[in-house]
């Protein structure tokens, strides 16, 4: 079982440079900065995995062609084994938080069933970007995407009602990331992804992914198959087909789940 206990960061060197009243002020400022950084650092997320092999194949081909045009972008490519759509990100500080997040996922899936939302079929077509630093497959804006957004809203509300707060307060913009130039990372002078590298894919149809389950994932650990460690995977559509029924039964038996 993964643990989220934080290691204490030593600031001895900085504090030794200051004496007298200034030392206490430095200590307070250092601790405040450290707390802020810790609070803003997600280590878990809620998502559904891309399993449609047609989409996976297209993603691999796009990455291959773009990297051939600019090899530096290989450093910014997302592993094909990790392809997913993120619904929310958050921080789980300890095992108690992880257990509460598992409860939230089961409760959210119950609410989705009660809302009688159909499994969304997300169709991907064309490529878009965020500030020329993130390149992604575009989900088609249709009724199915609206359903996905409803599902995300139910999940976000359920998690936040139970003290698991999302760290990204921006409106949900579902996307399938292929490349990402991360802030603070060095790409040998590369600062953006040139749109000319992917104009040929502007009208390309990539395939349709049916969302069958939701996954509570550990951002910091990778499984042997290359995907993120999954704390719990749950289907919102049929309780009899719960993906991780054993864990569901354990949580239910411990009276940790209160369905509303």
C-alpha atoms as a PDB file:
ATOM      1  CA  UNK A   1       0.000   0.000   0.000  1.00  0.00           C
ATOM      2  CA  UNK A   2       1.339   3.373  -0.998  1.00  0.00           C
ATOM      3  CA  UNK A   3       1.976   5.938   1.715  1.00  0.00           C
ATOM      4  CA  UNK A   4       1.723   9.694   1.384  1.00  0.00           C
ATOM      5  CA  UNK A   5       3.649  10.707   4.515  1.00  0.00           C
ATOM      6  CA  UNK A   6       5.786  13.764   3.762  1.00  0.00           C
ATOM      7  CA  UNK A   7       9.472  13.994   4.593  1.00  0.00           C
ATOM      8  CA  UNK A   8      10.482  17.005   6.653  1.00  0.00           C
ATOM      9  CA  UNK A   9      12.625  19.404   4.641  1.00  0.00           C
ATOM     10  CA  UNK A  10      15.599  20.775   6.507  1.00  0.00           C
ATOM     11  CA  UNK A  11      16.213  24.539   6.347  1.00  0.00           C
ATOM     12  CA  UNK A  12      19.195  24.530   8.714  1.00  0.00           C
ATOM     13  CA  UNK A  13      21.601  26.158   6.279  1.00  0.00           C
ATOM     14  CA  UNK A  14      19.343  29.166   5.657  1.00  0.00           C
ATOM     15  CA  UNK A  15      18.614  29.661   9.341  1.00  0.00           C
ATOM     16  CA  UNK A  16      22.270  29.476  10.327  1.00  0.00           C
ATOM     17  CA  UNK A  17      22.960  32.536   8.192  1.00  0.00           C
ATOM     18  CA  UNK A  18      20.683  34.721  10.332  1.00  0.00           C
ATOM     19  CA  UNK A  19      20.838  35.436  14.070  1.00  0.00           C
ATOM     20  CA  UNK A  20      18.728  37.430  16.523  1.00  0.00           C
ATOM     21  CA  UNK A  21      15.165  38.582  15.755  1.00  0.00           C
ATOM     22  CA  UNK A  22      15.623  38.015  12.046  1.00  0.00           C
ATOM     23  CA  UNK A  23      16.147  34.310  12.565  1.00  0.00           C
ATOM     24  CA  UNK A  24      12.612  33.767  13.861  1.00  0.00           C
ATOM     25  CA  UNK A  25      11.166  35.738  10.950  1.00  0.00           C
ATOM     26  CA  UNK A  26      13.150  33.630   8.506  1.00  0.00           C
ATOM     27  CA  UNK A  27      11.911  30.455  10.145  1.00  0.00           C
ATOM     28  CA  UNK A  28       8.279  31.579   9.881  1.00  0.00           C
ATOM     29  CA  UNK A  29       8.702  32.669   6.238  1.00  0.00           C
ATOM     30  CA  UNK A  30      10.411  29.404   5.334  1.00  0.00           C
ATOM     31  CA  UNK A  31       7.726  27.273   6.958  1.00  0.00           C
ATOM     32  CA  UNK A  32       4.955  29.325   5.301  1.00  0.00           C
ATOM     33  CA  UNK A  33       6.553  28.920   1.887  1.00  0.00           C
ATOM     34  CA  UNK A  34       7.071  25.202   2.454  1.00  0.00           C
ATOM     35  CA  UNK A  35       3.446  24.713   3.550  1.00  0.00           C
ATOM     36  CA  UNK A  36       2.182  26.585   0.493  1.00  0.00           C
ATOM     37  CA  UNK A  37       4.294  24.462  -1.843  1.00  0.00           C
ATOM     38  CA  UNK A  38       3.071  21.280  -0.200  1.00  0.00           C
ATOM     39  CA  UNK A  39      -0.578  22.330  -0.406  1.00  0.00           C
ATOM     40  CA  UNK A  40      -0.273  23.081  -4.106  1.00  0.00           C
ATOM     41  CA  UNK A  41       1.388  19.812  -5.061  1.00  0.00           C
ATOM     42  CA  UNK A  42      -1.109  17.166  -6.304  1.00  0.00           C
ATOM     43  CA  UNK A  43      -0.221  13.508  -5.973  1.00  0.00           C
ATOM     44  CA  UNK A  44      -3.465  11.832  -7.061  1.00  0.00           C
ATOM     45  CA  UNK A  45      -6.156  12.272  -9.674  1.00  0.00           C
ATOM     46  CA  UNK A  46      -9.504  10.947 -10.911  1.00  0.00           C
ATOM     47  CA  UNK A  47      -9.623   9.808 -14.526  1.00  0.00           C
ATOM     48  CA  UNK A  48     -10.703   7.240 -17.057  1.00  0.00           C
ATOM     49  CA  UNK A  49      -8.175   5.359 -19.146  1.00  0.00           C
ATOM     50  CA  UNK A  50      -8.045   5.325 -22.936  1.00  0.00           C
ATOM     51  CA  UNK A  51      -8.384   1.702 -24.053  1.00  0.00           C
ATOM     52  CA  UNK A  52      -9.566   2.035 -27.671  1.00  0.00           C
ATOM     53  CA  UNK A  53      -6.644   0.701 -29.697  1.00  0.00           C
ATOM     54  CA  UNK A  54      -7.542   2.860 -32.687  1.00  0.00           C
ATOM     55  CA  UNK A  55      -7.026   5.987 -30.568  1.00  0.00           C
ATOM     56  CA  UNK A  56      -3.860   4.544 -29.023  1.00  0.00           C
ATOM     57  CA  UNK A  57      -2.475   3.764 -32.497  1.00  0.00           C
ATOM     58  CA  UNK A  58      -3.178   7.280 -33.780  1.00  0.00           C
ATOM     59  CA  UNK A  59      -1.596   8.814 -30.669  1.00  0.00           C
ATOM     60  CA  UNK A  60       1.583   6.789 -31.199  1.00  0.00           C
ATOM     61  CA  UNK A  61       1.744   7.731 -34.888  1.00  0.00           C
ATOM     62  CA  UNK A  62       1.290  11.437 -34.140  1.00  0.00           C
ATOM     63  CA  UNK A  63       4.039  11.364 -31.527  1.00  0.00           C
ATOM     64  CA  UNK A  64       6.378   9.488 -33.845  1.00  0.00           C
ATOM     65  CA  UNK A  65       5.902  11.940 -36.712  1.00  0.00           C
ATOM     66  CA  UNK A  66       6.252  15.054 -34.550  1.00  0.00           C
ATOM     67  CA  UNK A  67       9.364  13.730 -32.812  1.00  0.00           C
ATOM     68  CA  UNK A  68      10.920  12.924 -36.176  1.00  0.00           C
ATOM     69  CA  UNK A  69      10.426  16.604 -37.099  1.00  0.00           C
ATOM     70  CA  UNK A  70      11.777  17.840 -33.763  1.00  0.00           C
ATOM     71  CA  UNK A  71      13.630  15.216 -31.683  1.00  0.00           C
ATOM     72  CA  UNK A  72      13.720  17.555 -28.654  1.00  0.00           C
ATOM     73  CA  UNK A  73       9.998  16.975 -28.208  1.00  0.00           C
ATOM     74  CA  UNK A  74      10.650  13.347 -27.263  1.00  0.00           C
ATOM     75  CA  UNK A  75      11.376  14.680 -23.771  1.00  0.00           C
ATOM     76  CA  UNK A  76       7.873  16.179 -23.615  1.00  0.00           C
ATOM     77  CA  UNK A  77       5.914  13.243 -25.019  1.00  0.00           C
ATOM     78  CA  UNK A  78       3.390  11.456 -22.804  1.00  0.00           C
ATOM     79  CA  UNK A  79       3.851   7.704 -22.515  1.00  0.00           C
ATOM     80  CA  UNK A  80       1.273   5.889 -24.641  1.00  0.00           C
ATOM     81  CA  UNK A  81       0.632   3.517 -21.730  1.00  0.00           C
ATOM     82  CA  UNK A  82      -0.547   6.489 -19.626  1.00  0.00           C
ATOM     83  CA  UNK A  83      -3.213   7.861 -21.982  1.00  0.00           C
ATOM     84  CA  UNK A  84      -6.225   9.033 -19.968  1.00  0.00           C
ATOM     85  CA  UNK A  85      -8.741  11.821 -19.452  1.00  0.00           C
ATOM     86  CA  UNK A  86      -8.386  13.661 -16.130  1.00  0.00           C
ATOM     87  CA  UNK A  87     -11.529  14.796 -14.298  1.00  0.00           C
ATOM     88  CA  UNK A  88      -9.854  16.304 -11.220  1.00  0.00           C
ATOM     89  CA  UNK A  89      -6.525  16.409  -9.362  1.00  0.00           C
ATOM     90  CA  UNK A  90      -5.952  16.624  -5.618  1.00  0.00           C
ATOM     91  CA  UNK A  91      -3.551  15.862  -2.793  1.00  0.00           C
ATOM     92  CA  UNK A  92      -3.900  12.821  -0.545  1.00  0.00           C
ATOM     93  CA  UNK A  93      -1.706  13.506   2.477  1.00  0.00           C
ATOM     94  CA  UNK A  94      -1.966  10.112   4.143  1.00  0.00           C
ATOM     95  CA  UNK A  95      -3.697   6.732   4.077  1.00  0.00           C
ATOM     96  CA  UNK A  96      -6.756   8.192   5.798  1.00  0.00           C
ATOM     97  CA  UNK A  97      -7.165  10.626   2.902  1.00  0.00           C
ATOM     98  CA  UNK A  98      -6.746   7.769   0.455  1.00  0.00           C
ATOM     99  CA  UNK A  99      -9.467   5.760   2.189  1.00  0.00           C
ATOM    100  CA  UNK A 100     -11.786   8.772   2.176  1.00  0.00           C
ATOM    101  CA  UNK A 101     -11.121   9.310  -1.544  1.00  0.00           C
ATOM    102  CA  UNK A 102     -12.058   5.686  -2.208  1.00  0.00           C
ATOM    103  CA  UNK A 103     -15.339   6.247  -0.356  1.00  0.00           C
ATOM    104  CA  UNK A 104     -15.958   9.357  -2.431  1.00  0.00           C
ATOM    105  CA  UNK A 105     -15.455   7.491  -5.706  1.00  0.00           C
ATOM    106  CA  UNK A 106     -17.954   4.785  -4.743  1.00  0.00           C
ATOM    107  CA  UNK A 107     -20.445   7.379  -3.554  1.00  0.00           C
ATOM    108  CA  UNK A 108     -20.006   9.434  -6.742  1.00  0.00           C
ATOM    109  CA  UNK A 109     -20.603   6.359  -8.909  1.00  0.00           C
ATOM    110  CA  UNK A 110     -23.801   5.670  -6.944  1.00  0.00           C
ATOM    111  CA  UNK A 111     -24.971   9.227  -7.650  1.00  0.00           C
ATOM    112  CA  UNK A 112     -24.167   8.835 -11.350  1.00  0.00           C
ATOM    113  CA  UNK A 113     -26.296   5.682 -11.433  1.00  0.00           C
ATOM    114  CA  UNK A 114     -29.135   7.489  -9.654  1.00  0.00           C
ATOM    115  CA  UNK A 115     -28.919  10.288 -12.247  1.00  0.00           C
ATOM    116  CA  UNK A 116     -29.313   7.622 -14.954  1.00  0.00           C
ATOM    117  CA  UNK A 117     -26.522   9.083 -17.057  1.00  0.00           C
ATOM    118  CA  UNK A 118     -25.586   6.963 -20.065  1.00  0.00           C
ATOM    119  CA  UNK A 119     -21.953   5.917 -20.564  1.00  0.00           C
ATOM    120  CA  UNK A 120     -20.468   8.794 -22.582  1.00  0.00           C
ATOM    121  CA  UNK A 121     -18.892   7.923 -25.903  1.00  0.00           C
ATOM    122  CA  UNK A 122     -16.139  10.470 -26.333  1.00  0.00           C
ATOM    123  CA  UNK A 123     -15.140  11.003 -29.956  1.00  0.00           C
ATOM    124  CA  UNK A 124     -11.700  12.490 -30.661  1.00  0.00           C
ATOM    125  CA  UNK A 125     -10.975  14.568 -33.750  1.00  0.00           C
ATOM    126  CA  UNK A 126      -8.188  17.023 -34.533  1.00  0.00           C
ATOM    127  CA  UNK A 127      -5.482  18.463 -32.291  1.00  0.00           C
ATOM    128  CA  UNK A 128      -5.482  21.568 -30.075  1.00  0.00           C
ATOM    129  CA  UNK A 129      -3.079  23.168 -27.627  1.00  0.00           C
ATOM    130  CA  UNK A 130      -2.838  25.128 -24.395  1.00  0.00           C
ATOM    131  CA  UNK A 131      -0.520  28.122 -24.875  1.00  0.00           C
ATOM    132  CA  UNK A 132       1.589  26.128 -27.358  1.00  0.00           C
ATOM    133  CA  UNK A 133       2.962  24.100 -24.427  1.00  0.00           C
ATOM    134  CA  UNK A 134       0.426  21.258 -24.232  1.00  0.00           C
ATOM    135  CA  UNK A 135      -0.671  19.392 -27.346  1.00  0.00           C
ATOM    136  CA  UNK A 136      -3.746  17.187 -27.106  1.00  0.00           C
ATOM    137  CA  UNK A 137      -6.390  15.275 -29.019  1.00  0.00           C
ATOM    138  CA  UNK A 138      -9.624  17.219 -29.074  1.00  0.00           C
ATOM    139  CA  UNK A 139     -12.857  15.624 -27.805  1.00  0.00           C
ATOM    140  CA  UNK A 140     -15.790  16.488 -30.064  1.00  0.00           C
ATOM    141  CA  UNK A 141     -18.159  18.939 -28.393  1.00  0.00           C
ATOM    142  CA  UNK A 142     -21.426  17.008 -28.451  1.00  0.00           C
ATOM    143  CA  UNK A 143     -24.074  15.555 -26.113  1.00  0.00           C
ATOM    144  CA  UNK A 144     -21.692  12.821 -24.957  1.00  0.00           C
ATOM    145  CA  UNK A 145     -19.113  15.378 -23.857  1.00  0.00           C
ATOM    146  CA  UNK A 146     -21.893  17.159 -21.947  1.00  0.00           C
ATOM    147  CA  UNK A 147     -22.607  13.899 -20.106  1.00  0.00           C
ATOM    148  CA  UNK A 148     -18.922  13.547 -19.238  1.00  0.00           C
ATOM    149  CA  UNK A 149     -18.957  17.065 -17.792  1.00  0.00           C
ATOM    150  CA  UNK A 150     -22.033  16.173 -15.712  1.00  0.00           C
ATOM    151  CA  UNK A 151     -20.187  13.112 -14.405  1.00  0.00           C
ATOM    152  CA  UNK A 152     -17.154  15.243 -13.560  1.00  0.00           C
ATOM    153  CA  UNK A 153     -19.365  17.736 -11.711  1.00  0.00           C
ATOM    154  CA  UNK A 154     -20.932  14.957  -9.626  1.00  0.00           C
ATOM    155  CA  UNK A 155     -17.474  13.606  -8.786  1.00  0.00           C
ATOM    156  CA  UNK A 156     -16.035  17.002  -7.890  1.00  0.00           C
ATOM    157  CA  UNK A 157     -18.985  17.882  -5.671  1.00  0.00           C
ATOM    158  CA  UNK A 158     -18.886  14.499  -3.927  1.00  0.00           C
ATOM    159  CA  UNK A 159     -15.158  14.687  -3.244  1.00  0.00           C
ATOM    160  CA  UNK A 160     -15.304  18.286  -2.016  1.00  0.00           C
ATOM    161  CA  UNK A 161     -18.270  17.574   0.266  1.00  0.00           C
ATOM    162  CA  UNK A 162     -16.060  15.013   1.968  1.00  0.00           C
ATOM    163  CA  UNK A 163     -12.966  17.179   2.319  1.00  0.00           C
ATOM    164  CA  UNK A 164     -11.035  16.130  -0.808  1.00  0.00           C
ATOM    165  CA  UNK A 165     -10.484  19.465  -2.542  1.00  0.00           C
ATOM    166  CA  UNK A 166      -9.431  19.727  -6.171  1.00  0.00           C
ATOM    167  CA  UNK A 167      -6.318  21.791  -6.790  1.00  0.00           C
ATOM    168  CA  UNK A 168      -7.345  23.063 -10.222  1.00  0.00           C
ATOM    169  CA  UNK A 169     -10.267  25.493  -9.969  1.00  0.00           C
ATOM    170  CA  UNK A 170     -10.516  26.102 -13.696  1.00  0.00           C
ATOM    171  CA  UNK A 171     -13.593  24.844 -15.612  1.00  0.00           C
ATOM    172  CA  UNK A 172     -13.232  21.282 -16.847  1.00  0.00           C
ATOM    173  CA  UNK A 173     -11.687  21.046 -20.316  1.00  0.00           C
ATOM    174  CA  UNK A 174     -11.458  17.317 -21.164  1.00  0.00           C
ATOM    175  CA  UNK A 175      -8.468  16.558 -23.367  1.00  0.00           C
ATOM    176  CA  UNK A 176      -6.103  13.735 -24.249  1.00  0.00           C
ATOM    177  CA  UNK A 177      -2.539  14.985 -23.744  1.00  0.00           C
ATOM    178  CA  UNK A 178       0.155  13.854 -26.187  1.00  0.00           C
ATOM    179  CA  UNK A 179       2.934  16.358 -25.415  1.00  0.00           C
ATOM    180  CA  UNK A 180       3.527  18.662 -22.473  1.00  0.00           C
ATOM    181  CA  UNK A 181       6.293  21.194 -21.885  1.00  0.00           C
ATOM    182  CA  UNK A 182       6.207  21.280 -18.092  1.00  0.00           C
ATOM    183  CA  UNK A 183       6.886  24.476 -16.188  1.00  0.00           C
ATOM    184  CA  UNK A 184      10.372  24.533 -14.715  1.00  0.00           C
ATOM    185  CA  UNK A 185      11.684  21.762 -16.967  1.00  0.00           C
ATOM    186  CA  UNK A 186      14.534  22.311 -19.419  1.00  0.00           C
ATOM    187  CA  UNK A 187      14.083  21.295 -23.054  1.00  0.00           C
ATOM    188  CA  UNK A 188      17.338  22.673 -24.484  1.00  0.00           C
ATOM    189  CA  UNK A 189      15.816  26.034 -25.372  1.00  0.00           C
ATOM    190  CA  UNK A 190      12.490  24.653 -26.580  1.00  0.00           C
ATOM    191  CA  UNK A 191       9.716  26.898 -25.244  1.00  0.00           C
ATOM    192  CA  UNK A 192       6.727  25.964 -27.367  1.00  0.00           C
ATOM    193  CA  UNK A 193       5.332  23.303 -29.675  1.00  0.00           C
ATOM    194  CA  UNK A 194       5.294  24.646 -33.218  1.00  0.00           C
ATOM    195  CA  UNK A 195       1.760  24.334 -34.654  1.00  0.00           C
ATOM    196  CA  UNK A 196       3.232  23.655 -38.106  1.00  0.00           C
ATOM    197  CA  UNK A 197       4.273  20.222 -36.839  1.00  0.00           C
ATOM    198  CA  UNK A 198       0.685  19.030 -36.531  1.00  0.00           C
ATOM    199  CA  UNK A 199      -1.438  21.018 -38.998  1.00  0.00           C
ATOM    200  CA  UNK A 200      -1.963  17.868 -41.113  1.00  0.00           C
ATOM    201  CA  UNK A 201      -3.938  16.346 -38.220  1.00  0.00           C
ATOM    202  CA  UNK A 202      -6.359  19.292 -37.934  1.00  0.00           C
ATOM    203  CA  UNK A 203      -9.319  17.385 -39.401  1.00  0.00           C
ATOM    204  CA  UNK A 204      -8.234  13.846 -38.544  1.00  0.00           C
ATOM    205  CA  UNK A 205     -10.737  11.482 -36.889  1.00  0.00           C
ATOM    206  CA  UNK A 206      -9.041   9.407 -34.171  1.00  0.00           C
ATOM    207  CA  UNK A 207     -11.810   7.201 -32.795  1.00  0.00           C
ATOM    208  CA  UNK A 208     -14.316   6.928 -29.941  1.00  0.00           C
ATOM    209  CA  UNK A 209     -13.704   5.954 -26.304  1.00  0.00           C
ATOM    210  CA  UNK A 210     -16.585   4.699 -24.158  1.00  0.00           C
ATOM    211  CA  UNK A 211     -16.146   5.629 -20.509  1.00  0.00           C
ATOM    212  CA  UNK A 212     -16.831   2.385 -18.653  1.00  0.00           C
ATOM    213  CA  UNK A 213     -15.153   3.084 -15.328  1.00  0.00           C
ATOM    214  CA  UNK A 214     -13.496   5.771 -13.212  1.00  0.00           C
ATOM    215  CA  UNK A 215     -10.075   5.370 -11.634  1.00  0.00           C
ATOM    216  CA  UNK A 216      -8.556   6.871  -8.518  1.00  0.00           C
ATOM    217  CA  UNK A 217      -4.886   7.049  -9.480  1.00  0.00           C
ATOM    218  CA  UNK A 218      -1.570   7.625  -7.741  1.00  0.00           C
ATOM    219  CA  UNK A 219       0.334  10.265  -9.680  1.00  0.00           C
ATOM    220  CA  UNK A 220       3.657   9.191  -8.135  1.00  0.00           C
ATOM    221  CA  UNK A 221       3.741   5.458  -8.860  1.00  0.00           C
ATOM    222  CA  UNK A 222       3.690   3.543 -12.136  1.00  0.00           C
ATOM    223  CA  UNK A 223       2.598  -0.074 -12.573  1.00  0.00           C
ATOM    224  CA  UNK A 224       4.474  -2.729 -14.504  1.00  0.00           C
ATOM    225  CA  UNK A 225       2.240  -2.118 -17.544  1.00  0.00           C
ATOM    226  CA  UNK A 226       3.290   1.549 -17.634  1.00  0.00           C
ATOM    227  CA  UNK A 227       0.018   2.970 -16.310  1.00  0.00           C
ATOM    228  CA  UNK A 228      -0.458   4.737 -12.988  1.00  0.00           C
ATOM    229  CA  UNK A 229      -1.046   2.779  -9.799  1.00  0.00           C
ATOM    230  CA  UNK A 230      -4.814   2.593  -9.305  1.00  0.00           C
ATOM    231  CA  UNK A 231      -6.120   2.839  -5.739  1.00  0.00           C
ATOM    232  CA  UNK A 232      -9.656   2.019  -6.838  1.00  0.00           C
ATOM    233  CA  UNK A 233     -11.453   1.521 -10.140  1.00  0.00           C
ATOM    234  CA  UNK A 234     -15.221   1.735 -10.086  1.00  0.00           C
ATOM    235  CA  UNK A 235     -17.991   1.409 -12.664  1.00  0.00           C
ATOM    236  CA  UNK A 236     -20.817   3.966 -12.393  1.00  0.00           C
ATOM    237  CA  UNK A 237     -23.202   1.857 -14.457  1.00  0.00           C
ATOM    238  CA  UNK A 238     -23.780  -1.488 -12.786  1.00  0.00           C
ATOM    239  CA  UNK A 239     -23.107  -2.359  -9.174  1.00  0.00           C
ATOM    240  CA  UNK A 240     -22.998  -6.009 -10.157  1.00  0.00           C
ATOM    241  CA  UNK A 241     -20.103  -5.229 -12.483  1.00  0.00           C
ATOM    242  CA  UNK A 242     -18.046  -3.211 -10.019  1.00  0.00           C
ATOM    243  CA  UNK A 243     -14.481  -3.374 -11.287  1.00  0.00           C
ATOM    244  CA  UNK A 244     -12.954  -3.692  -7.854  1.00  0.00           C
ATOM    245  CA  UNK A 245     -15.775  -5.452  -5.995  1.00  0.00           C
ATOM    246  CA  UNK A 246     -13.574  -6.810  -3.211  1.00  0.00           C
ATOM    247  CA  UNK A 247     -12.468  -3.343  -2.166  1.00  0.00           C
ATOM    248  CA  UNK A 248     -16.045  -2.083  -2.447  1.00  0.00           C
ATOM    249  CA  UNK A 249     -17.252  -4.885  -0.166  1.00  0.00           C
ATOM    250  CA  UNK A 250     -14.516  -4.124   2.365  1.00  0.00           C
ATOM    251  CA  UNK A 251     -15.439  -0.449   2.507  1.00  0.00           C
ATOM    252  CA  UNK A 252     -19.146  -1.262   2.728  1.00  0.00           C
ATOM    253  CA  UNK A 253     -18.612  -3.839   5.478  1.00  0.00           C
ATOM    254  CA  UNK A 254     -16.614  -1.336   7.506  1.00  0.00           C
ATOM    255  CA  UNK A 255     -19.606   1.018   7.318  1.00  0.00           C
ATOM    256  CA  UNK A 256     -17.446   3.636   5.630  1.00  0.00           C
ATOM    257  CA  UNK A 257     -19.937   4.234   2.819  1.00  0.00           C
ATOM    258  CA  UNK A 258     -23.157   6.122   3.305  1.00  0.00           C
ATOM    259  CA  UNK A 259     -25.144   6.244   0.105  1.00  0.00           C
ATOM    260  CA  UNK A 260     -27.272   9.325  -0.226  1.00  0.00           C
END
